[in-house]
Amino acid sequence: MAPSTTARSSNPTGHPTVWTHEMGPQADWHSQNIEDVLEPELPIIDAHHHLFMRGEPMKHWIQHHERGIPPKYFTEELSADVNSGHKVIATVYSESGIYPESNEFHRIDGEEHHRCVGETEVVQGVAHLANRALYGPCRLCAGIIATADLSAGPRAMEPVFKAHIEAAPNFRGIRYKGGRAEEIPFTSEAFIGAVRLAASMGLVLDINGAELFPLDFTKVLGGIVHLARAVPEATIVVNNCGGAIGPSTFDADGGKEQHQLWQTLMQNLATCPGIIIKIGGCTRSQCGFKFDDRRVPVSSEELCTALLPYYGFLLDQFGPARCMFVSDFPMDKVSCSYRTLWNMFKRVATAKGLPQVDKHQVFQGTADRVYNLKIIGDDVQELISGAGLAWFQSP
């Protein structure tokens, strides 16, 4: 069994925390490379992770080897990761499948459009346990991005949005179609109307990039630009760097042209002020770096070298105030541990020469503002604006 990298944390309630640690073949593999934590006092809001309770919905993600994505990734597993060394102060949950057959949290009865509210109810329960500090100091699922069938239009969606809001104080918005953004009817008046309604209610829209091979960047990223211009008041968060980017596409036939197309379309996205980008999700196996095939896990230094051309490009185009680093766990866990992943992000920030103010944006400030988490408070917002960094020092 792999040694635990999770420490028991103190908590303000006085109740003992739940002892959690990573276990199984994947943990044994990760244990071969346990790095020292870089910049351990830098606060992090992990603005994109998933939760799963059983293996059936994960079959399409499980890798050919036994250390693929674990069939269960719930409160204990998430807690083990966020408490594994970095100063993760909060997380944002991202919906884990729009289709009832791929999401065990959806209600099994009731009106069809309302069944997705079950996911919000379940995840709010996780947040409640975290608020009692039973899993350490991190506020798990401080924001909840759930789902709804936006193609049904605003009239059908208004009661669904209200049901989500009533079900969970942490509900912040909708991710539509998950990893199948190619199916989104970007030009549909019903869809655009539902997005306009969501924006009027203060809800964020998360959308994945192109992820169905062969990747159709023009359809998906071009569709997002069309949507952003049709509903300029909407806050649209583009997930996973705008697609499953990496060697699978860019090293294949026509890869150079695809890479240039991705860059051009991301530059187009950056011209829309309501668009935010999540930087992460590129260590999934389908991106093609093959980190998951190694006998010994990749180091954060090598990860940085491989991903800096993409992540650095996005930082340059959008700026730190419109970027947030995210784990995309457990999907990206096939390639490295949580500790290694966040060390990589810190190396990327250093390689780009980001000053402390900008670091605090990409690691926590952007996520806090976009998802209205109110984790860091007015005093820290002042620090991010450059007034000082005293709050971030060890107590």
Protein backbone atom coordinates (compact mmCIF):
# COMPACT_ATOMS: atom_id res chain seq x y z
CA MET A 1 0.00 0.00 0.00
CA ALA A 2 1.22 3.46 -0.85
CA PRO A 3 2.27 5.75 1.98
CA SER A 4 -0.24 8.48 2.76
CA THR A 5 0.63 12.02 1.79
CA THR A 6 -2.38 13.45 3.62
CA ALA A 7 -1.95 15.03 7.03
CA ARG A 8 -4.61 15.35 9.72
CA SER A 9 -5.67 18.99 9.87
CA SER A 10 -6.89 21.05 12.78
CA ASN A 11 -10.35 22.58 12.49
CA PRO A 12 -12.33 25.29 14.29
CA THR A 13 -15.24 23.01 15.28
CA GLY A 14 -13.19 20.83 17.58
CA HIS A 15 -14.50 17.71 15.86
CA PRO A 16 -11.88 15.22 14.62
CA THR A 17 -11.26 15.36 10.91
CA VAL A 18 -11.90 12.32 8.76
CA TRP A 19 -8.70 10.42 8.08
CA THR A 20 -8.35 9.99 4.34
CA HIS A 21 -5.54 8.87 2.12
CA GLU A 22 -5.00 7.79 -1.44
CA MET A 23 -5.14 4.03 -1.94
CA GLY A 24 -4.94 1.49 -4.74
CA PRO A 25 -2.77 0.88 -7.83
CA GLN A 26 -2.86 4.53 -8.83
CA ALA A 27 -1.64 5.58 -5.37
CA ASP A 28 1.16 3.03 -5.52
CA TRP A 29 2.24 4.52 -8.83
CA HIS A 30 2.01 8.13 -7.57
CA SER A 31 4.09 7.22 -4.51
CA GLN A 32 7.14 6.73 -6.74
CA ASN A 33 7.34 10.49 -7.20
CA ILE A 34 6.40 12.53 -4.13
CA GLU A 35 7.75 16.03 -4.66
CA ASP A 36 8.34 18.77 -2.13
CA VAL A 37 5.55 21.32 -2.31
CA LEU A 38 6.60 24.54 -4.02
CA GLU A 39 5.40 27.82 -2.49
CA PRO A 40 3.32 26.01 0.16
CA GLU A 41 1.75 29.24 1.49
CA LEU A 42 0.25 30.28 -1.86
CA PRO A 43 -3.55 29.90 -1.50
CA ILE A 44 -5.34 27.94 -4.21
CA ILE A 45 -8.96 27.70 -5.29
CA ASP A 46 -9.29 24.60 -7.45
CA ALA A 47 -12.07 25.78 -9.75
CA HIS A 48 -12.78 22.54 -11.63
CA HIS A 49 -13.10 18.98 -10.37
CA HIS A 50 -15.67 16.20 -10.55
CA LEU A 51 -17.19 13.64 -8.20
CA PHE A 52 -18.24 10.06 -8.93
CA MET A 53 -19.71 7.35 -6.72
CA ARG A 54 -19.57 4.22 -8.87
CA GLY A 55 -17.68 2.78 -11.78
CA GLU A 56 -20.40 2.46 -14.41
CA PRO A 57 -20.40 6.10 -15.61
CA MET A 58 -16.61 6.03 -15.78
CA LYS A 59 -16.21 3.15 -18.24
CA HIS A 60 -15.50 5.48 -21.14
CA TRP A 61 -12.69 7.10 -19.11
CA ILE A 62 -11.02 4.00 -17.61
CA GLN A 63 -7.62 3.40 -19.13
CA HIS A 64 -6.28 0.14 -20.53
CA HIS A 65 -4.09 -0.39 -17.48
CA GLU A 66 -5.24 -1.02 -13.93
CA ARG A 67 -4.26 2.40 -12.61
CA GLY A 68 -6.80 4.27 -14.72
CA ILE A 69 -9.26 6.75 -13.25
CA PRO A 70 -10.61 5.26 -10.00
CA PRO A 71 -14.26 4.14 -10.17
CA LYS A 72 -15.04 6.20 -7.06
CA TYR A 73 -13.97 9.80 -6.51
CA PHE A 74 -16.08 11.34 -3.79
CA THR A 75 -15.60 13.29 -0.56
CA GLU A 76 -12.82 11.15 0.91
CA GLU A 77 -10.85 10.93 -2.31
CA LEU A 78 -11.17 14.65 -3.06
CA SER A 79 -10.21 15.46 0.53
CA ALA A 80 -7.11 13.29 0.28
CA ASP A 81 -5.99 15.25 -2.77
CA VAL A 82 -6.70 18.80 -1.56
CA ASN A 83 -5.01 18.05 1.78
CA SER A 84 -1.92 16.46 0.20
CA GLY A 85 0.38 19.44 0.67
CA HIS A 86 -0.71 22.55 -1.20
CA LYS A 87 -2.76 25.27 0.49
CA VAL A 88 -6.08 24.58 -1.23
CA ILE A 89 -8.63 26.82 0.47
CA ALA A 90 -11.70 26.01 -1.64
CA THR A 91 -12.91 24.06 -4.67
CA VAL A 92 -15.55 24.43 -7.35
CA TYR A 93 -17.44 21.33 -8.44
CA SER A 94 -18.15 20.86 -12.14
CA GLU A 95 -21.07 18.71 -13.27
CA SER A 96 -20.23 15.12 -14.03
CA GLY A 97 -22.46 14.19 -16.96
CA ILE A 98 -25.58 15.77 -18.46
CA TYR A 99 -27.11 12.43 -19.40
CA PRO A 100 -28.98 10.50 -16.64
CA GLU A 101 -27.25 7.28 -17.66
CA SER A 102 -23.85 8.90 -17.03
CA ASN A 103 -24.67 10.80 -13.84
CA GLU A 104 -25.70 8.84 -10.79
CA PHE A 105 -26.61 12.03 -8.90
CA HIS A 106 -29.58 12.95 -11.09
CA ARG A 107 -33.04 12.27 -9.69
CA ILE A 108 -34.62 9.06 -10.93
CA ASP A 109 -38.17 10.45 -11.07
CA GLY A 110 -40.07 13.70 -11.36
CA GLU A 111 -40.20 16.10 -14.29
CA GLU A 112 -37.48 15.30 -16.79
CA HIS A 113 -35.96 18.78 -16.95
CA HIS A 114 -35.78 18.91 -13.14
CA ARG A 115 -33.98 15.60 -12.60
CA CYS A 116 -30.60 17.32 -12.98
CA VAL A 117 -31.27 19.22 -9.73
CA GLY A 118 -30.47 16.01 -7.84
CA GLU A 119 -26.79 16.54 -8.61
CA THR A 120 -26.88 19.99 -7.02
CA GLU A 121 -28.54 18.54 -3.90
CA VAL A 122 -25.91 15.82 -3.53
CA VAL A 123 -22.94 18.15 -3.98
CA GLN A 124 -24.38 20.69 -1.55
CA GLY A 125 -24.33 17.85 0.99
CA VAL A 126 -20.60 17.44 0.39
CA ALA A 127 -20.15 21.18 0.92
CA HIS A 128 -22.10 20.96 4.18
CA LEU A 129 -19.73 18.30 5.54
CA ALA A 130 -16.76 20.41 4.47
CA ASN A 131 -18.18 23.48 6.19
CA ARG A 132 -18.03 21.52 9.45
CA ALA A 133 -14.30 21.03 8.77
CA LEU A 134 -14.74 17.25 8.92
CA TYR A 135 -12.38 16.93 5.96
CA GLY A 136 -9.84 19.57 6.86
CA PRO A 137 -9.82 23.34 6.37
CA CYS A 138 -10.59 23.39 2.64
CA ARG A 139 -14.12 24.46 1.65
CA LEU A 140 -14.96 21.62 -0.70
CA CYS A 141 -17.51 22.48 -3.40
CA ALA A 142 -17.78 26.11 -2.29
CA GLY A 143 -19.14 26.67 -5.79
CA ILE A 144 -21.34 24.23 -7.70
CA ILE A 145 -21.60 24.20 -11.49
CA ALA A 146 -24.48 21.86 -12.28
CA THR A 147 -26.29 21.21 -15.56
CA ALA A 148 -29.60 21.73 -17.32
CA ASP A 149 -30.92 21.25 -20.85
CA LEU A 150 -30.45 24.78 -22.14
CA SER A 151 -31.69 23.77 -25.58
CA ALA A 152 -35.22 23.67 -24.12
CA GLY A 153 -35.29 27.46 -23.99
CA PRO A 154 -35.84 30.10 -21.31
CA ARG A 155 -39.46 29.27 -20.46
CA ALA A 156 -38.59 25.67 -19.63
CA MET A 157 -35.34 26.60 -17.90
CA GLU A 158 -36.54 29.33 -15.56
CA PRO A 159 -38.14 26.93 -13.03
CA VAL A 160 -35.11 24.62 -13.33
CA PHE A 161 -32.68 27.45 -12.55
CA LYS A 162 -34.84 28.46 -9.59
CA ALA A 163 -34.90 24.85 -8.35
CA HIS A 164 -31.09 24.70 -8.50
CA ILE A 165 -30.87 27.96 -6.55
CA GLU A 166 -33.34 26.76 -3.92
CA ALA A 167 -31.54 23.44 -3.59
CA ALA A 168 -28.10 24.85 -2.86
CA PRO A 169 -26.69 28.15 -1.63
CA ASN A 170 -23.43 27.17 -3.37
CA PHE A 171 -25.03 26.84 -6.82
CA ARG A 172 -23.30 29.20 -9.24
CA GLY A 173 -24.10 28.14 -12.78
CA ILE A 174 -24.53 25.61 -15.55
CA ARG A 175 -22.16 23.51 -17.62
CA TYR A 176 -23.96 22.32 -20.72
CA LYS A 177 -23.18 19.09 -22.57
CA GLY A 178 -20.00 18.40 -20.58
CA GLY A 179 -17.34 16.92 -22.84
CA ARG A 180 -19.67 16.94 -25.86
CA ALA A 181 -19.74 20.64 -26.70
CA GLU A 182 -19.94 19.68 -30.37
CA GLU A 183 -23.64 18.93 -29.71
CA ILE A 184 -24.45 22.44 -28.45
CA PRO A 185 -26.86 24.34 -30.76
CA PHE A 186 -24.91 27.60 -30.54
CA THR A 187 -27.14 29.49 -33.00
CA SER A 188 -30.48 28.24 -31.65
CA GLU A 189 -32.73 31.02 -30.37
CA ALA A 190 -33.99 28.73 -27.61
CA PHE A 191 -30.44 28.03 -26.42
CA ILE A 192 -29.37 31.67 -26.67
CA GLY A 193 -32.50 32.70 -24.78
CA ALA A 194 -31.75 30.25 -21.97
CA VAL A 195 -28.20 31.60 -21.70
CA ARG A 196 -29.54 35.16 -21.63
CA LEU A 197 -31.93 34.20 -18.83
CA ALA A 198 -29.13 32.50 -16.86
CA ALA A 199 -27.01 35.65 -17.16
CA SER A 200 -29.90 37.81 -15.94
CA MET A 201 -30.12 35.58 -12.86
CA GLY A 202 -26.40 35.99 -12.13
CA LEU A 203 -25.46 32.49 -13.24
CA VAL A 204 -22.20 31.54 -14.96
CA LEU A 205 -22.09 29.34 -18.08
CA ASP A 206 -19.27 26.79 -18.30
CA ILE A 207 -18.60 25.24 -21.72
CA ASN A 208 -15.99 22.68 -22.72
CA GLY A 209 -13.92 23.10 -25.84
CA ALA A 210 -13.60 20.63 -28.70
CA GLU A 211 -13.11 17.14 -27.28
CA LEU A 212 -14.69 14.68 -29.73
CA PHE A 213 -12.07 13.41 -32.19
CA PRO A 214 -11.36 14.56 -34.80
CA LEU A 215 -11.48 17.89 -32.98
CA ASP A 216 -13.68 20.52 -34.62
CA PHE A 217 -12.24 23.73 -33.18
CA THR A 218 -14.10 25.91 -35.67
CA LYS A 219 -17.53 24.58 -34.72
CA VAL A 220 -17.03 24.69 -30.95
CA LEU A 221 -14.78 27.71 -30.37
CA GLY A 222 -16.42 29.63 -33.18
CA GLY A 223 -19.78 28.78 -31.63
CA ILE A 224 -18.67 30.12 -28.27
CA VAL A 225 -17.59 33.41 -29.88
CA HIS A 226 -21.00 33.67 -31.57
CA LEU A 227 -22.72 33.05 -28.24
CA ALA A 228 -20.55 35.56 -26.38
CA ARG A 229 -21.37 38.26 -28.93
CA ALA A 230 -25.08 37.38 -28.91
CA VAL A 231 -25.22 37.56 -25.10
CA PRO A 232 -22.44 40.01 -24.14
CA GLU A 233 -23.72 40.26 -20.57
CA ALA A 234 -23.02 36.55 -19.98
CA THR A 235 -19.97 35.26 -18.15
CA ILE A 236 -18.78 32.25 -20.15
CA VAL A 237 -16.04 30.05 -18.73
CA VAL A 238 -14.28 27.94 -21.37
CA ASN A 239 -13.02 24.69 -19.88
CA ASN A 240 -9.87 22.66 -20.54
CA CYS A 241 -7.99 25.24 -22.62
CA GLY A 242 -10.64 25.14 -25.32
CA GLY A 243 -10.21 21.48 -26.22
CA ALA A 244 -8.28 18.25 -25.86
CA ILE A 245 -5.10 19.94 -27.09
CA GLY A 246 -1.76 18.19 -27.34
CA PRO A 247 0.08 15.60 -29.43
CA SER A 248 -3.06 13.59 -30.27
CA THR A 249 -4.10 16.43 -32.57
CA PHE A 250 -1.11 18.69 -33.04
CA ASP A 251 1.38 15.90 -33.87
CA ALA A 252 -0.99 14.11 -36.24
CA ASP A 253 -1.40 14.74 -39.98
CA GLY A 254 -2.40 18.37 -40.40
CA GLY A 255 -1.45 19.04 -36.80
CA LYS A 256 0.47 22.23 -37.52
CA GLU A 257 -2.59 23.73 -39.19
CA GLN A 258 -4.81 22.58 -36.32
CA HIS A 259 -2.45 24.17 -33.80
CA GLN A 260 -2.53 27.47 -35.70
CA LEU A 261 -6.32 27.26 -35.93
CA TRP A 262 -6.64 26.67 -32.18
CA GLN A 263 -4.42 29.68 -31.49
CA THR A 264 -6.38 31.92 -33.85
CA LEU A 265 -9.72 30.90 -32.38
CA MET A 266 -8.48 31.36 -28.82
CA GLN A 267 -7.34 34.85 -29.79
CA ASN A 268 -10.86 35.46 -31.11
CA LEU A 269 -12.29 34.27 -27.79
CA ALA A 270 -10.00 36.66 -25.93
CA THR A 271 -11.61 39.62 -27.74
CA CYS A 272 -14.88 38.87 -25.91
CA PRO A 273 -14.57 40.42 -22.42
CA GLY A 274 -17.12 38.05 -20.89
CA ILE A 275 -15.05 34.95 -21.65
CA ILE A 276 -12.84 33.40 -18.97
CA ILE A 277 -10.46 30.48 -19.58
CA LYS A 278 -9.73 27.51 -17.35
CA ILE A 279 -6.12 26.42 -17.78
CA GLY A 280 -5.79 22.70 -17.15
CA GLY A 281 -7.23 19.42 -18.33
CA CYS A 282 -4.34 18.62 -20.67
CA THR A 283 -2.84 15.70 -18.76
CA ARG A 284 -5.83 13.52 -19.62
CA SER A 285 -4.82 10.54 -21.71
CA GLN A 286 -6.76 11.66 -24.80
CA CYS A 287 -4.54 14.73 -25.16
CA GLY A 288 -1.76 12.37 -26.17
CA PHE A 289 1.23 13.25 -24.00
CA LYS A 290 1.32 9.61 -22.77
CA PHE A 291 2.32 10.59 -19.23
CA ASP A 292 -0.04 7.88 -18.00
CA ASP A 293 1.94 5.13 -19.77
CA ARG A 294 5.13 5.66 -17.79
CA ARG A 295 6.57 3.26 -15.25
CA VAL A 296 7.50 6.20 -13.00
CA PRO A 297 5.20 9.27 -12.90
CA VAL A 298 6.26 12.44 -14.67
CA SER A 299 7.82 15.26 -12.66
CA SER A 300 6.30 18.72 -12.35
CA GLU A 301 9.35 20.12 -14.11
CA GLU A 302 8.81 17.96 -17.19
CA LEU A 303 5.08 18.68 -17.11
CA CYS A 304 5.86 22.39 -17.13
CA THR A 305 8.18 22.01 -20.10
CA ALA A 306 5.53 20.11 -22.06
CA LEU A 307 2.57 22.35 -21.22
CA LEU A 308 4.14 25.80 -21.01
CA PRO A 309 3.75 26.49 -24.76
CA TYR A 310 -0.03 26.08 -24.42
CA TYR A 311 -0.62 27.46 -20.93
CA GLY A 312 1.75 30.37 -21.48
CA PHE A 313 0.00 31.26 -24.72
CA LEU A 314 -3.37 31.42 -22.93
CA LEU A 315 -1.96 33.56 -20.13
CA ASP A 316 -0.62 35.96 -22.75
CA GLN A 317 -3.93 36.17 -24.63
CA PHE A 318 -6.39 36.42 -21.72
CA GLY A 319 -4.27 37.88 -18.92
CA PRO A 320 -4.20 36.53 -15.34
CA ALA A 321 -7.48 38.25 -14.38
CA ARG A 322 -9.32 36.09 -16.94
CA CYS A 323 -7.46 32.83 -16.29
CA MET A 324 -7.71 30.23 -13.55
CA PHE A 325 -5.60 27.14 -13.00
CA VAL A 326 -7.69 23.99 -12.40
CA SER A 327 -7.01 20.33 -11.61
CA ASP A 328 -9.77 18.61 -13.62
CA PHE A 329 -9.43 15.72 -11.17
CA PRO A 330 -9.93 12.81 -11.26
CA MET A 331 -9.68 12.91 -15.08
CA ASP A 332 -6.12 14.25 -15.04
CA LYS A 333 -5.11 12.02 -12.16
CA VAL A 334 -4.16 9.32 -14.66
CA SER A 335 -0.92 11.21 -15.34
CA CYS A 336 0.24 12.64 -12.03
CA SER A 337 -0.66 13.30 -8.41
CA TYR A 338 -2.45 16.40 -7.17
CA ARG A 339 0.76 17.59 -5.53
CA THR A 340 2.76 17.24 -8.75
CA LEU A 341 0.04 18.93 -10.81
CA TRP A 342 -0.06 22.08 -8.69
CA ASN A 343 3.74 22.18 -8.54
CA MET A 344 3.58 22.26 -12.35
CA PHE A 345 1.19 25.23 -12.31
CA LYS A 346 3.51 27.08 -9.94
CA ARG A 347 6.43 26.38 -12.26
CA VAL A 348 4.38 27.73 -15.20
CA ALA A 349 3.65 30.92 -13.27
CA THR A 350 7.34 31.31 -12.46
CA ALA A 351 8.40 30.59 -16.04
CA LYS A 352 6.02 33.31 -17.25
CA GLY A 353 7.51 35.74 -14.72
CA LEU A 354 4.14 36.45 -13.09
CA PRO A 355 4.42 38.88 -10.17
CA GLN A 356 2.76 37.90 -6.89
CA VAL A 357 -0.35 39.93 -7.69
CA ASP A 358 -0.90 38.00 -10.93
CA LYS A 359 -0.13 34.68 -9.25
CA HIS A 360 -2.88 35.30 -6.76
CA GLN A 361 -5.27 35.99 -9.62
CA VAL A 362 -4.66 32.75 -11.52
CA PHE A 363 -4.47 30.58 -8.39
CA GLN A 364 -7.47 32.01 -6.56
CA GLY A 365 -8.60 35.55 -7.36
CA THR A 366 -10.18 34.91 -10.76
CA ALA A 367 -12.10 31.88 -9.49
CA ASP A 368 -13.28 33.74 -6.40
CA ARG A 369 -14.56 36.66 -8.47
CA VAL A 370 -16.09 34.73 -11.38
CA TYR A 371 -17.94 32.24 -9.18
CA ASN A 372 -18.78 34.82 -6.50
CA LEU A 373 -17.32 32.59 -3.77
CA LYS A 374 -16.40 35.40 -1.39
CA ILE A 375 -13.65 33.22 0.04
CA ILE A 376 -10.85 35.75 0.04
CA GLY A 377 -12.77 38.81 1.24
CA ASP A 378 -12.41 42.53 0.57
CA ASP A 379 -9.07 42.78 2.34
CA VAL A 380 -7.53 40.19 0.06
CA GLN A 381 -9.06 41.79 -3.01
CA GLU A 382 -7.13 44.88 -1.94
CA LEU A 383 -3.98 42.80 -1.72
CA ILE A 384 -4.54 41.44 -5.20
CA SER A 385 -4.78 45.00 -6.45
CA GLY A 386 -1.20 45.45 -5.21
CA ALA A 387 -1.59 46.93 -1.74
CA GLY A 388 0.42 44.24 0.01
CA LEU A 389 0.66 40.52 0.75
CA ALA A 390 0.50 40.26 4.54
CA TRP A 391 -2.66 38.13 4.57
CA PHE A 392 -0.93 35.37 2.68
CA GLN A 393 1.80 34.82 5.26
CA SER A 394 1.72 31.91 7.67
CA PRO A 395 -0.26 32.57 10.87
